[in-house]
Amino acid sequence: MTSAEILAQYGPREAMDYDVVVVGAGPAGLATAIRCKQLDPDISVVVLEKGSEPGAHILSGAVMDPRAITELFPDWQQRGAPLNQPVTADEVLFLGEGHARHTPQWLIPDCLHNHGNFVISLGAVTKWLGEQAEAMGVEIFPGFAAAEVLYGEAGQVLGIATGNLGVGKDGQPHDGFQLGMELRARYTVFAEGARGHLGKQLIAKYGLDEGRDPQSYALGVKELWEVPADKAQPGKVVHTAGWPMNEHTYGGGFLYHLEGNRVTLGFVTGLDYQNPWISPFEEMQRWKTHPAIRAHIEGGKRIGYGARAITAGGLLSLPKLVFPGGTLVGCDAGTLNAARIKGSHAAIKTGMLVAEAIAPALKAGRSHDELSAYPEAFEKSWLFEELHATRNFKQWFKQGNTIGTLMTGVEQWFLPKLGIKSPPWTIHRKTPDHARLHAASQVERITYPKPDGVLTFDRLSSVFISNTNHEENQPAHLTLKDAAVPVAVNLFKYAGPEARYCPAGVYEYVQKNGSEQLVINAQNCVHCKTCDIKDPTQNIVWVTPEGGGGPNYAGM
């Protein structure tokens, strides 16, 4: 049965009304809810979170600029926010195979200086924000996935509907069936993170990306390690460029020392890569074998794993932020600053800005219209100024890593020395990430070394420690528009890139009845959204599974 047929047979759905519905309990969504309550405690706010709790699906490096959280809670230290480890040292390395070149401190551009910032677990910070929100009267519904946007007759957003529970793989309701519910709002805020399922639909429906550069993404593959005490360097921040990437593949590594003898590290691969043989997961494993990285974690134990797509297009790819009845905030819009490798401060700030537009609109009796005050305030904010100064970052790297590195130095180091905050030129691009792949026959095949199980690992053991789980008897949340395309196009032309770009072993081609078939192991999915982004035919569509499914990141 389709969702419409289920609704026709079992409906109507239960409905609840609020002033504000927020989709996603990440930093942006929770900041929206908190700021609404700060401005007017009588505003009714509900936040939906598809993870088992706030923070369960949050994954980031992370080094946090405390500027936005300080604006939200000037007393965050007294409140016990888990920003415990100040940055103590910055190191920027250019890696070659087996060797590293250190960048002198005076040559490190301002965007990579982290004095005054904190090495954090963003999951822990998000959980803390959730606690603050609930203490202020915000309702948070964890384990509920927003599956559908509700529209009015004039095309305005009226709220969302959660997914049905207890529907089997065959699409039929079973004994545990529960119809989803409608959460109606005067304004709905979409804060789903990068490549949001509903955000993607809204951008298309309202043409919010018209006149913008196509969004660009990267995949971050991350691990958490516990290291021997003599290797711990709390607060040290390391960023790397170069190996194992080649000249025409964007990517880089990060390694941050947390408190408690823990190291968080990962590798980011631009999803605009051209060689379909590339595996971002394998590149991360290979990167760890470099002497400059191995030295930090050798003798330690891997205790966490995760992967997440990152919006990296910056200001030039930012869609229109408002539409009738709703808004996009944080990474659902794409406000991460790729040059700084930071997005949490931007997410919090956008949440605050939209709340500051919502509160007076509600007071004036408005609803379901465009909150034009939000983008107007954004364009006057320090966040806009920051993103404007780094707007060309990803565009330059489209022209190769040498040009990208050189022009980043010009724009983020040389021009500021002259007192020029923002470059006087703007660089555009037109090609979306999924259209960049070459045919497999046109490029060199990459053979990756086998994992040793000590420093490097395989996908399945990695997914295991991400605590990923889905109710097995449910419709697949990784859907195909045309089941014939994977073999006829992706396998034939691109040698089946799904099996390599997915960091969780979801996709594999197998021989069955004398022919190749694509098998989708949806149970392994860590909700990174890479398949939805990088599939060259845009045939894979990620939709929401039952709420509470997916990874359950601890300490990440």
Protein backbone atom coordinates (compact mmCIF):
# COMPACT_ATOMS: atom_id res chain seq x y z
CA MET A 1 0.00 0.00 0.00
CA THR A 2 1.15 3.53 -0.72
CA SER A 3 1.17 6.17 2.02
CA ALA A 4 -1.90 7.76 0.43
CA GLU A 5 -3.74 4.43 0.43
CA ILE A 6 -2.82 3.81 4.07
CA LEU A 7 -4.07 7.27 5.01
CA ALA A 8 -7.30 6.74 3.09
CA GLN A 9 -7.94 3.45 4.90
CA TYR A 10 -6.72 4.29 8.41
CA GLY A 11 -7.03 8.08 8.55
CA PRO A 12 -7.56 10.75 9.49
CA ARG A 13 -4.31 11.38 11.33
CA GLU A 14 -4.22 12.88 14.79
CA ALA A 15 -3.25 16.55 14.61
CA MET A 16 -1.52 18.87 17.07
CA ASP A 17 -1.19 22.64 16.67
CA TYR A 18 1.79 24.79 17.62
CA ASP A 19 3.08 28.23 16.91
CA VAL A 20 6.38 26.80 15.65
CA VAL A 21 7.33 23.33 14.46
CA VAL A 22 11.06 22.66 14.10
CA VAL A 23 12.26 19.67 12.05
CA GLY A 24 15.58 18.47 13.45
CA ALA A 25 17.08 18.71 16.95
CA GLY A 26 20.54 19.78 15.83
CA PRO A 27 22.27 23.04 16.77
CA ALA A 28 20.21 25.09 14.30
CA GLY A 29 16.84 23.63 15.26
CA LEU A 30 17.45 23.80 19.00
CA ALA A 31 18.81 27.35 18.78
CA THR A 32 15.59 28.31 16.96
CA ALA A 33 13.46 26.80 19.70
CA ILE A 34 15.51 28.27 22.54
CA ARG A 35 15.59 31.77 21.07
CA CYS A 36 11.83 31.70 20.49
CA LYS A 37 11.31 30.91 24.17
CA GLN A 38 13.81 33.55 25.24
CA LEU A 39 11.91 36.19 23.26
CA ASP A 40 8.45 35.04 24.34
CA PRO A 41 7.94 32.15 26.79
CA ASP A 42 4.34 31.81 25.59
CA ILE A 43 5.33 30.73 22.07
CA SER A 44 4.50 27.05 21.72
CA VAL A 45 7.39 25.17 20.09
CA VAL A 46 7.87 21.50 19.24
CA VAL A 47 11.06 19.97 17.87
CA LEU A 48 11.06 16.64 15.99
CA GLU A 49 14.19 14.49 15.96
CA LYS A 50 14.49 11.33 13.88
CA GLY A 51 17.30 10.03 16.09
CA SER A 52 16.74 8.29 19.40
CA GLU A 53 17.67 11.50 21.25
CA PRO A 54 19.12 14.93 20.43
CA GLY A 55 22.71 14.35 19.36
CA ALA A 56 22.27 10.71 18.32
CA HIS A 57 22.69 11.52 14.62
CA ILE A 58 25.01 14.51 15.03
CA LEU A 59 28.47 14.13 13.52
CA SER A 60 31.10 16.80 13.14
CA GLY A 61 34.87 17.24 13.65
CA ALA A 62 34.60 19.41 15.67
CA VAL A 63 36.26 22.67 16.58
CA MET A 64 33.65 25.17 17.71
CA ASP A 65 33.78 28.94 17.45
CA PRO A 66 31.87 29.98 20.60
CA ARG A 67 30.64 33.29 19.18
CA ALA A 68 27.08 32.17 18.45
CA ILE A 69 26.56 30.02 21.53
CA THR A 70 27.78 32.97 23.62
CA GLU A 71 25.11 35.14 22.01
CA LEU A 72 22.50 32.46 22.73
CA PHE A 73 23.66 31.80 26.30
CA PRO A 74 26.14 34.40 27.59
CA ASP A 75 26.40 32.26 30.75
CA TRP A 76 27.01 28.94 28.95
CA GLN A 77 30.02 28.17 31.16
CA GLN A 78 27.96 28.51 34.34
CA ARG A 79 25.23 26.38 32.76
CA GLY A 80 27.72 23.58 32.19
CA ALA A 81 27.93 23.56 28.38
CA PRO A 82 30.40 20.83 27.36
CA LEU A 83 32.94 23.15 25.77
CA ASN A 84 35.70 21.80 27.96
CA GLN A 85 38.86 21.81 25.87
CA PRO A 86 40.23 25.11 24.52
CA VAL A 87 42.41 24.90 21.42
CA THR A 88 46.05 25.03 22.50
CA ALA A 89 47.91 24.72 19.18
CA ASP A 90 47.29 24.85 15.42
CA GLU A 91 49.22 22.78 12.90
CA VAL A 92 48.69 22.81 9.13
CA LEU A 93 50.47 20.07 7.17
CA PHE A 94 50.92 19.49 3.45
CA LEU A 95 51.37 15.76 3.06
CA GLY A 96 53.34 13.89 0.47
CA GLU A 97 53.54 10.12 0.41
CA GLY A 98 55.63 9.35 3.49
CA HIS A 99 56.60 12.94 4.33
CA ALA A 100 54.99 16.17 5.60
CA ARG A 101 55.69 19.87 5.20
CA HIS A 102 54.74 22.08 8.15
CA THR A 103 53.25 25.49 7.43
CA PRO A 104 54.96 28.23 9.47
CA GLN A 105 52.57 29.84 11.94
CA TRP A 106 52.89 33.24 10.29
CA LEU A 107 51.74 31.75 6.97
CA ILE A 108 48.60 30.05 8.31
CA PRO A 109 45.57 32.04 7.03
CA ASP A 110 43.15 33.53 9.52
CA CYS A 111 40.42 31.05 8.56
CA LEU A 112 42.56 28.21 9.99
CA HIS A 113 43.59 29.96 13.20
CA ASN A 114 41.64 28.52 16.13
CA HIS A 115 42.76 30.56 19.11
CA GLY A 116 39.71 31.08 21.34
CA ASN A 117 37.87 28.06 19.91
CA PHE A 118 37.10 24.72 21.56
CA VAL A 119 37.60 21.07 20.60
CA ILE A 120 34.23 19.48 21.31
CA SER A 121 31.90 16.57 20.80
CA LEU A 122 29.11 18.26 18.88
CA GLY A 123 26.82 15.40 19.88
CA ALA A 124 27.39 16.27 23.54
CA VAL A 125 26.82 19.98 22.90
CA THR A 126 23.61 19.17 21.03
CA LYS A 127 22.35 16.99 23.86
CA TRP A 128 23.06 19.86 26.27
CA LEU A 129 21.17 22.31 24.04
CA GLY A 130 18.25 19.89 24.10
CA GLU A 131 18.27 19.91 27.89
CA GLN A 132 18.27 23.72 27.94
CA ALA A 133 15.38 23.82 25.47
CA GLU A 134 13.24 21.39 27.47
CA ALA A 135 13.90 23.34 30.65
CA MET A 136 12.43 26.39 28.89
CA GLY A 137 9.25 24.53 27.91
CA VAL A 138 10.15 23.35 24.41
CA GLU A 139 8.59 19.99 23.55
CA ILE A 140 11.07 17.59 21.93
CA PHE A 141 9.84 14.43 20.24
CA PRO A 142 12.82 12.09 19.70
CA GLY A 143 12.38 9.06 17.50
CA PHE A 144 9.87 10.83 15.25
CA ALA A 145 10.85 11.38 11.63
CA ALA A 146 9.20 14.20 9.67
CA ALA A 147 8.22 12.36 6.49
CA GLU A 148 5.88 14.74 4.68
CA VAL A 149 5.32 18.48 4.28
CA LEU A 150 1.72 19.65 4.71
CA TYR A 151 0.61 22.31 2.25
CA GLY A 152 -2.38 24.64 2.15
CA GLU A 153 -4.53 25.37 -0.90
CA ALA A 154 -2.40 28.40 -1.76
CA GLY A 155 0.80 26.35 -1.63
CA GLN A 156 1.87 27.56 1.80
CA VAL A 157 3.51 25.22 4.32
CA LEU A 158 1.13 24.33 7.15
CA GLY A 159 3.39 21.93 9.06
CA ILE A 160 4.59 18.35 8.68
CA ALA A 161 3.40 14.80 9.14
CA THR A 162 5.46 12.13 10.83
CA GLY A 163 6.02 8.75 9.24
CA ASN A 164 3.77 5.78 9.86
CA LEU A 165 5.09 3.11 12.22
CA GLY A 166 4.60 -0.62 11.86
CA VAL A 167 4.51 -0.87 8.06
CA GLY A 168 6.23 -3.98 6.74
CA LYS A 169 8.63 -4.44 3.84
CA ASP A 170 5.67 -5.34 1.68
CA GLY A 171 4.08 -1.96 2.37
CA GLN A 172 1.28 -3.50 4.43
CA PRO A 173 0.51 -2.42 8.01
CA HIS A 174 1.22 -5.14 10.57
CA ASP A 175 0.28 -5.68 14.23
CA GLY A 176 2.39 -2.78 15.51
CA PHE A 177 0.91 -0.29 13.03
CA GLN A 178 0.53 3.32 14.13
CA LEU A 179 -0.56 6.09 11.80
CA GLY A 180 1.70 9.14 11.66
CA MET A 181 0.47 12.38 13.14
CA GLU A 182 0.21 15.91 11.79
CA LEU A 183 2.05 18.71 13.53
CA ARG A 184 0.62 21.98 12.28
CA ALA A 185 2.30 25.31 12.80
CA ARG A 186 2.00 28.96 12.01
CA TYR A 187 5.64 28.67 10.93
CA THR A 188 7.70 25.55 10.22
CA VAL A 189 11.50 25.62 10.47
CA PHE A 190 13.48 22.98 8.60
CA ALA A 191 16.77 22.14 10.31
CA GLU A 192 17.49 18.63 9.00
CA GLY A 193 21.20 19.07 8.32
CA ALA A 194 23.02 18.58 5.01
CA ARG A 195 20.83 17.39 2.11
CA GLY A 196 17.70 17.40 4.22
CA HIS A 197 15.03 15.07 2.87
CA LEU A 198 12.25 17.65 3.12
CA GLY A 199 14.55 20.61 2.53
CA LYS A 200 15.49 19.13 -0.85
CA GLN A 201 11.80 18.92 -1.77
CA LEU A 202 11.11 22.48 -0.65
CA ILE A 203 14.05 23.88 -2.63
CA ALA A 204 12.68 22.20 -5.75
CA LYS A 205 9.02 23.12 -5.15
CA TYR A 206 9.65 26.83 -4.58
CA GLY A 207 12.69 27.19 -6.87
CA LEU A 208 14.72 28.44 -3.94
CA ASP A 209 18.02 27.73 -5.71
CA GLU A 210 17.14 29.70 -8.84
CA GLY A 211 20.08 31.89 -9.86
CA ARG A 212 22.41 30.23 -7.34
CA ASP A 213 25.45 28.08 -8.01
CA PRO A 214 24.67 24.38 -7.59
CA GLN A 215 25.27 23.17 -4.05
CA SER A 216 28.55 21.36 -3.52
CA TYR A 217 29.09 18.63 -0.94
CA ALA A 218 31.82 16.64 0.71
CA LEU A 219 31.76 13.41 2.69
CA GLY A 220 33.39 13.40 6.09
CA VAL A 221 34.44 10.00 7.44
CA LYS A 222 35.32 10.21 11.13
CA GLU A 223 36.74 8.03 13.90
CA LEU A 224 37.14 8.52 17.63
CA TRP A 225 40.23 7.02 19.28
CA GLU A 226 41.39 6.52 22.83
CA VAL A 227 45.17 6.95 22.91
CA PRO A 228 47.92 6.28 25.47
CA ALA A 229 48.43 9.10 27.95
CA ASP A 230 51.89 9.87 26.57
CA LYS A 231 50.38 10.60 23.14
CA ALA A 232 47.61 12.87 24.40
CA GLN A 233 48.01 16.56 23.54
CA PRO A 234 44.72 18.11 24.72
CA GLY A 235 43.66 21.02 22.55
CA LYS A 236 46.01 20.36 19.63
CA VAL A 237 44.39 20.91 16.22
CA VAL A 238 45.90 19.43 13.05
CA HIS A 239 44.68 19.98 9.50
CA THR A 240 46.20 18.33 6.44
CA ALA A 241 46.09 18.81 2.67
CA GLY A 242 47.71 16.84 -0.11
CA TRP A 243 48.21 13.07 0.02
CA PRO A 244 46.32 10.82 -0.49
CA MET A 245 44.40 13.19 -2.80
CA ASN A 246 45.72 13.96 -6.27
CA GLU A 247 45.77 17.35 -7.97
CA HIS A 248 42.20 17.13 -9.23
CA THR A 249 40.49 15.64 -6.17
CA TYR A 250 39.53 17.94 -3.32
CA GLY A 251 40.05 16.59 0.18
CA GLY A 252 41.84 16.97 3.48
CA GLY A 253 42.21 15.58 6.95
CA PHE A 254 41.54 16.79 10.48
CA LEU A 255 42.84 15.51 13.80
CA TYR A 256 41.81 17.06 17.11
CA HIS A 257 42.92 16.14 20.61
CA LEU A 258 40.01 16.17 23.07
CA GLU A 259 40.27 15.92 26.83
CA GLY A 260 40.43 12.48 28.42
CA ASN A 261 43.10 10.95 26.16
CA ARG A 262 40.75 10.97 23.18
CA VAL A 263 41.53 11.95 19.60
CA THR A 264 38.89 12.68 16.98
CA LEU A 265 40.10 12.43 13.42
CA GLY A 266 38.70 12.13 9.95
CA PHE A 267 39.06 12.73 6.27
CA VAL A 268 36.86 14.89 4.04
CA THR A 269 36.52 14.06 0.33
CA GLY A 270 34.80 16.48 -2.01
CA LEU A 271 31.86 14.77 -3.70
CA ASP A 272 32.75 16.58 -6.91
CA TYR A 273 35.48 13.97 -7.50
CA GLN A 274 35.80 12.68 -11.07
CA ASN A 275 37.27 9.19 -10.75
CA PRO A 276 34.48 6.64 -10.03
CA TRP A 277 37.05 4.24 -8.54
CA ILE A 278 37.56 6.56 -5.55
CA SER A 279 36.32 5.33 -2.18
CA PRO A 280 36.19 8.11 0.44
CA PHE A 281 36.14 5.48 3.20
CA GLU A 282 39.30 3.82 1.87
CA GLU A 283 40.98 7.19 1.40
CA MET A 284 40.40 7.90 5.09
CA GLN A 285 41.89 4.54 6.07
CA ARG A 286 44.88 5.15 3.81
CA TRP A 287 45.39 8.67 5.21
CA LYS A 288 45.76 7.24 8.73
CA THR A 289 48.84 5.28 7.64
CA HIS A 290 50.81 8.46 6.96
CA PRO A 291 53.60 8.80 9.56
CA ALA A 292 52.36 12.27 10.56
CA ILE A 293 48.90 10.88 11.42
CA ARG A 294 49.90 7.44 12.65
CA ALA A 295 52.12 9.07 15.28
CA HIS A 296 49.05 10.50 17.06
CA ILE A 297 47.03 7.28 17.38
CA GLU A 298 49.38 4.30 17.15
CA GLY A 299 49.02 2.15 20.25
CA GLY A 300 45.50 3.47 20.80
CA LYS A 301 42.07 1.95 20.28
CA ARG A 302 39.31 3.01 17.91
CA ILE A 303 36.08 3.52 19.88
CA GLY A 304 33.78 5.32 17.45
CA TYR A 305 32.98 5.65 13.77
CA GLY A 306 30.62 7.73 11.64
CA ALA A 307 30.15 9.46 8.31
CA ARG A 308 28.13 12.47 7.16
CA ALA A 309 27.76 14.61 4.07
CA ILE A 310 28.76 18.25 4.43
CA THR A 311 27.34 21.23 2.55
CA ALA A 312 30.38 23.04 1.20
CA GLY A 313 29.17 25.39 -1.55
CA GLY A 314 29.07 28.41 0.74
CA LEU A 315 27.32 31.70 0.16
CA LEU A 316 27.10 31.39 -3.63
CA SER A 317 25.13 28.14 -3.30
CA LEU A 318 22.85 29.36 -0.53
CA PRO A 319 19.19 29.05 -1.59
CA LYS A 320 16.52 31.57 -0.75
CA LEU A 321 15.94 30.99 2.96
CA VAL A 322 12.19 31.61 3.19
CA PHE A 323 8.98 30.50 1.51
CA PRO A 324 5.32 30.76 2.50
CA GLY A 325 4.98 29.30 5.98
CA GLY A 326 8.54 28.12 6.47
CA THR A 327 12.29 28.60 6.47
CA LEU A 328 15.58 26.74 6.05
CA VAL A 329 18.29 27.06 8.69
CA GLY A 330 21.80 25.70 9.28
CA CYS A 331 23.10 22.98 7.01
CA ASP A 332 19.63 22.39 5.54
CA ALA A 333 20.29 25.73 3.87
CA GLY A 334 24.07 25.27 3.57
CA THR A 335 25.61 27.85 5.89
CA LEU A 336 28.73 25.85 6.80
CA ASN A 337 31.97 27.76 6.19
CA ALA A 338 34.15 25.23 4.34
CA ALA A 339 37.21 27.50 4.48
CA ARG A 340 37.07 27.47 8.28
CA ILE A 341 35.88 23.83 8.46
CA LYS A 342 33.14 25.00 10.81
CA GLY A 343 29.37 24.98 10.70
CA SER A 344 27.97 24.71 14.23
CA HIS A 345 28.38 28.41 15.00
CA ALA A 346 26.65 29.25 11.71
CA ALA A 347 23.82 26.82 12.46
CA ILE A 348 23.19 28.36 15.89
CA LYS A 349 23.27 31.88 14.47
CA THR A 350 20.75 31.12 11.71
CA GLY A 351 18.45 29.53 14.29
CA MET A 352 18.61 32.68 16.38
CA LEU A 353 18.00 34.92 13.38
CA VAL A 354 14.90 33.04 12.26
CA ALA A 355 13.51 33.03 15.81
CA GLU A 356 14.01 36.80 15.93
CA ALA A 357 11.88 37.03 12.79
CA ILE A 358 9.23 34.60 14.06
CA ALA A 359 8.54 36.19 17.45
CA PRO A 360 7.37 39.60 16.19
CA ALA A 361 5.46 37.97 13.32
CA LEU A 362 3.50 35.84 15.80
CA LYS A 363 2.89 38.86 18.02
CA ALA A 364 1.46 40.70 15.02
CA GLY A 365 -0.94 37.81 14.38
CA ARG A 366 0.76 36.65 11.19
CA SER A 367 1.08 33.06 10.02
CA HIS A 368 2.02 31.00 6.96
CA ASP A 369 3.61 33.94 5.13
CA GLU A 370 7.23 34.64 4.20
CA LEU A 371 9.46 35.70 7.08
CA SER A 372 11.39 38.24 5.01
CA ALA A 373 12.93 39.70 8.17
CA TYR A 374 15.06 36.55 8.49
CA PRO A 375 17.09 36.87 5.25
CA GLU A 376 17.24 40.63 5.74
CA ALA A 377 18.79 40.15 9.19
CA PHE A 378 21.10 37.46 7.86
CA GLU A 379 22.50 39.82 5.24
CA LYS A 380 23.33 42.34 7.99
CA SER A 381 24.90 39.77 10.31
CA TRP A 382 28.50 38.85 11.10
CA LEU A 383 27.75 35.42 9.65
CA PHE A 384 26.99 36.86 6.22
CA GLU A 385 30.19 38.90 6.40
CA GLU A 386 32.15 35.75 7.27
CA LEU A 387 30.61 33.70 4.47
CA HIS A 388 31.01 36.52 1.96
CA ALA A 389 34.73 36.73 2.68
CA THR A 390 35.16 32.99 1.94
CA ARG A 391 32.60 32.71 -0.87
CA ASN A 392 35.16 31.65 -3.52
CA PHE A 393 36.82 28.91 -1.46
CA LYS A 394 35.27 25.82 -3.04
CA GLN A 395 35.08 27.43 -6.48
CA TRP A 396 38.86 27.81 -6.68
CA PHE A 397 39.43 24.17 -5.78
CA LYS A 398 37.24 23.14 -8.72
CA GLN A 399 40.20 24.31 -10.83
CA GLY A 400 42.69 22.03 -9.08
CA ASN A 401 44.31 21.85 -5.67
CA THR A 402 47.32 23.97 -6.63
CA ILE A 403 45.17 26.87 -7.77
CA GLY A 404 42.81 26.35 -4.85
CA THR A 405 45.62 26.46 -2.30
CA LEU A 406 47.26 29.47 -3.95
CA MET A 407 44.06 31.51 -4.19
CA THR A 408 42.99 30.60 -0.67
CA GLY A 409 46.32 32.04 0.45
CA VAL A 410 45.69 35.18 -1.57
CA GLU A 411 42.12 35.67 -0.34
CA GLN A 412 42.47 34.50 3.26
CA TRP A 413 46.05 35.56 4.06
CA PHE A 414 47.41 38.20 1.66
CA LEU A 415 44.32 40.41 1.20
CA PRO A 416 43.61 40.64 4.97
CA LYS A 417 47.22 41.78 5.46
CA LEU A 418 46.33 44.69 3.15
CA GLY A 419 43.20 45.43 5.16
CA ILE A 420 40.88 43.93 2.52
CA LYS A 421 38.34 41.75 4.34
CA SER A 422 36.64 40.30 1.28
CA PRO A 423 38.04 39.61 -2.21
CA PRO A 424 36.82 42.08 -4.86
CA TRP A 425 36.06 39.25 -7.31
CA THR A 426 33.53 36.42 -7.36
CA ILE A 427 34.04 33.02 -9.00
CA HIS A 428 31.07 30.93 -10.11
CA ARG A 429 30.59 27.32 -11.19
CA LYS A 430 27.78 25.51 -12.98
CA THR A 431 28.32 21.75 -12.67
CA PRO A 432 26.68 19.81 -9.80
CA ASP A 433 28.73 17.16 -8.01
CA HIS A 434 26.88 14.16 -9.45
CA ALA A 435 27.64 15.27 -13.03
CA ARG A 436 31.42 15.31 -12.53
CA LEU A 437 32.12 11.57 -12.79
CA HIS A 438 34.10 10.28 -15.75
CA ALA A 439 33.43 6.87 -17.24
CA ALA A 440 35.40 4.14 -15.46
CA SER A 441 37.19 3.23 -18.68
CA GLN A 442 38.59 6.75 -19.01
CA VAL A 443 40.45 6.91 -15.70
CA GLU A 444 42.98 4.89 -13.76
CA ARG A 445 41.61 2.20 -11.50
CA ILE A 446 42.52 2.57 -7.80
CA THR A 447 43.47 -0.47 -5.75
CA TYR A 448 43.33 0.08 -2.01
CA PRO A 449 45.36 -1.91 0.55
CA LYS A 450 43.56 -4.41 2.73
CA PRO A 451 42.81 -3.27 6.30
CA ASP A 452 45.06 -4.56 9.09
CA GLY A 453 42.38 -4.45 11.80
CA VAL A 454 44.64 -2.39 14.05
CA LEU A 455 45.13 0.97 12.37
CA THR A 456 42.89 0.47 9.33
CA PHE A 457 39.51 -1.23 9.18
CA ASP A 458 36.74 -2.46 6.89
CA ARG A 459 33.28 -0.97 6.49
CA LEU A 460 31.27 -3.55 8.39
CA SER A 461 33.37 -3.42 11.57
CA SER A 462 33.13 0.35 11.34
CA VAL A 463 29.36 0.39 11.01
CA PHE A 464 29.15 -1.96 14.01
CA ILE A 465 30.76 0.60 16.33
CA SER A 466 28.48 3.37 15.01
CA ASN A 467 25.63 1.56 16.83
CA THR A 468 23.54 1.66 13.65
CA ASN A 469 20.24 -0.18 13.68
CA HIS A 470 16.97 -0.10 11.79
CA GLU A 471 13.75 -2.01 12.31
CA GLU A 472 14.24 -4.72 9.71
CA ASN A 473 10.62 -5.17 8.67
CA GLN A 474 9.95 -1.77 7.13
CA PRO A 475 9.89 -0.34 3.60
CA ALA A 476 13.37 0.45 2.27
CA HIS A 477 14.32 4.07 2.89
CA LEU A 478 16.86 3.95 0.05
CA THR A 479 14.66 4.01 -3.02
CA LEU A 480 15.26 3.79 -6.76
CA LYS A 481 13.30 5.80 -9.32
CA ASP A 482 14.11 3.11 -11.91
CA ALA A 483 15.36 -0.32 -10.78
CA ALA A 484 17.03 -0.94 -14.17
CA VAL A 485 19.36 2.07 -14.02
CA PRO A 486 21.97 0.78 -11.52
CA VAL A 487 23.06 -2.10 -13.76
CA ALA A 488 22.32 -0.54 -17.14
CA VAL A 489 24.05 2.77 -16.45
CA ASN A 490 25.93 2.92 -13.14
CA LEU A 491 27.58 -0.49 -13.42
CA PHE A 492 28.08 -0.45 -17.18
CA LYS A 493 29.51 3.08 -17.45
CA TYR A 494 30.88 3.90 -13.98
CA ALA A 495 31.74 0.41 -12.66
CA GLY A 496 29.15 0.65 -9.88
CA PRO A 497 30.36 3.66 -7.84
CA GLU A 498 27.66 3.10 -5.17
CA ALA A 499 29.72 0.24 -3.76
CA ARG A 500 32.63 2.64 -3.20
CA TYR A 501 31.19 6.03 -2.29
CA CYS A 502 28.92 4.60 0.42
CA PRO A 503 30.91 4.51 3.70
CA ALA A 504 28.65 1.87 5.26
CA GLY A 505 28.57 -1.04 2.79
CA VAL A 506 24.94 -0.43 1.88
CA TYR A 507 25.33 -1.03 -1.85
CA GLU A 508 26.86 -4.07 -3.52
CA TYR A 509 26.60 -5.70 -6.92
CA VAL A 510 26.15 -9.48 -6.87
CA GLN A 511 25.72 -12.22 -9.44
CA LYS A 512 22.23 -13.66 -9.31
CA ASN A 513 20.59 -15.93 -11.86
CA GLY A 514 23.43 -15.30 -14.27
CA SER A 515 23.25 -11.50 -14.19
CA GLU A 516 24.49 -8.61 -12.06
CA GLN A 517 22.06 -7.11 -9.58
CA LEU A 518 22.30 -4.26 -7.09
CA VAL A 519 21.64 -5.31 -3.49
CA ILE A 520 20.74 -2.55 -1.02
CA ASN A 521 21.60 -3.37 2.61
CA ALA A 522 19.52 -0.55 4.11
CA GLN A 523 20.12 -1.86 7.63
CA ASN A 524 23.71 -0.56 7.43
CA CYS A 525 22.78 3.01 6.48
CA VAL A 526 24.35 5.71 8.67
CA HIS A 527 22.18 8.45 7.10
CA CYS A 528 25.15 10.23 5.51
CA LYS A 529 23.10 11.09 2.34
CA THR A 530 26.09 10.50 0.02
CA CYS A 531 24.09 8.22 -2.30
CA ASP A 532 21.37 10.85 -2.71
CA ILE A 533 24.05 13.37 -3.65
CA LYS A 534 26.64 11.47 -5.71
CA ASP A 535 24.55 8.98 -7.70
CA PRO A 536 25.47 10.02 -11.27
CA THR A 537 21.95 9.40 -12.57
CA GLN A 538 20.21 10.87 -9.50
CA ASN A 539 18.21 7.66 -9.41
CA ILE A 540 18.72 6.98 -5.68
CA VAL A 541 16.40 8.91 -3.37
CA TRP A 542 16.93 8.82 0.40
CA VAL A 543 13.66 8.98 2.33
CA THR A 544 13.06 8.85 6.06
CA PRO A 545 13.02 5.42 7.72
CA GLU A 546 11.08 4.79 10.91
CA GLY A 547 12.04 7.26 13.61
CA GLY A 548 14.76 6.17 16.01
CA GLY A 549 16.59 4.17 13.34
CA GLY A 550 20.08 4.85 12.07
CA PRO A 551 23.30 5.47 13.98
CA ASN A 552 23.53 6.23 17.66
CA TYR A 553 26.76 8.15 17.98
CA ALA A 554 28.32 8.22 21.44
CA GLY A 555 30.94 10.87 22.18
CA MET A 556 31.17 11.82 18.51
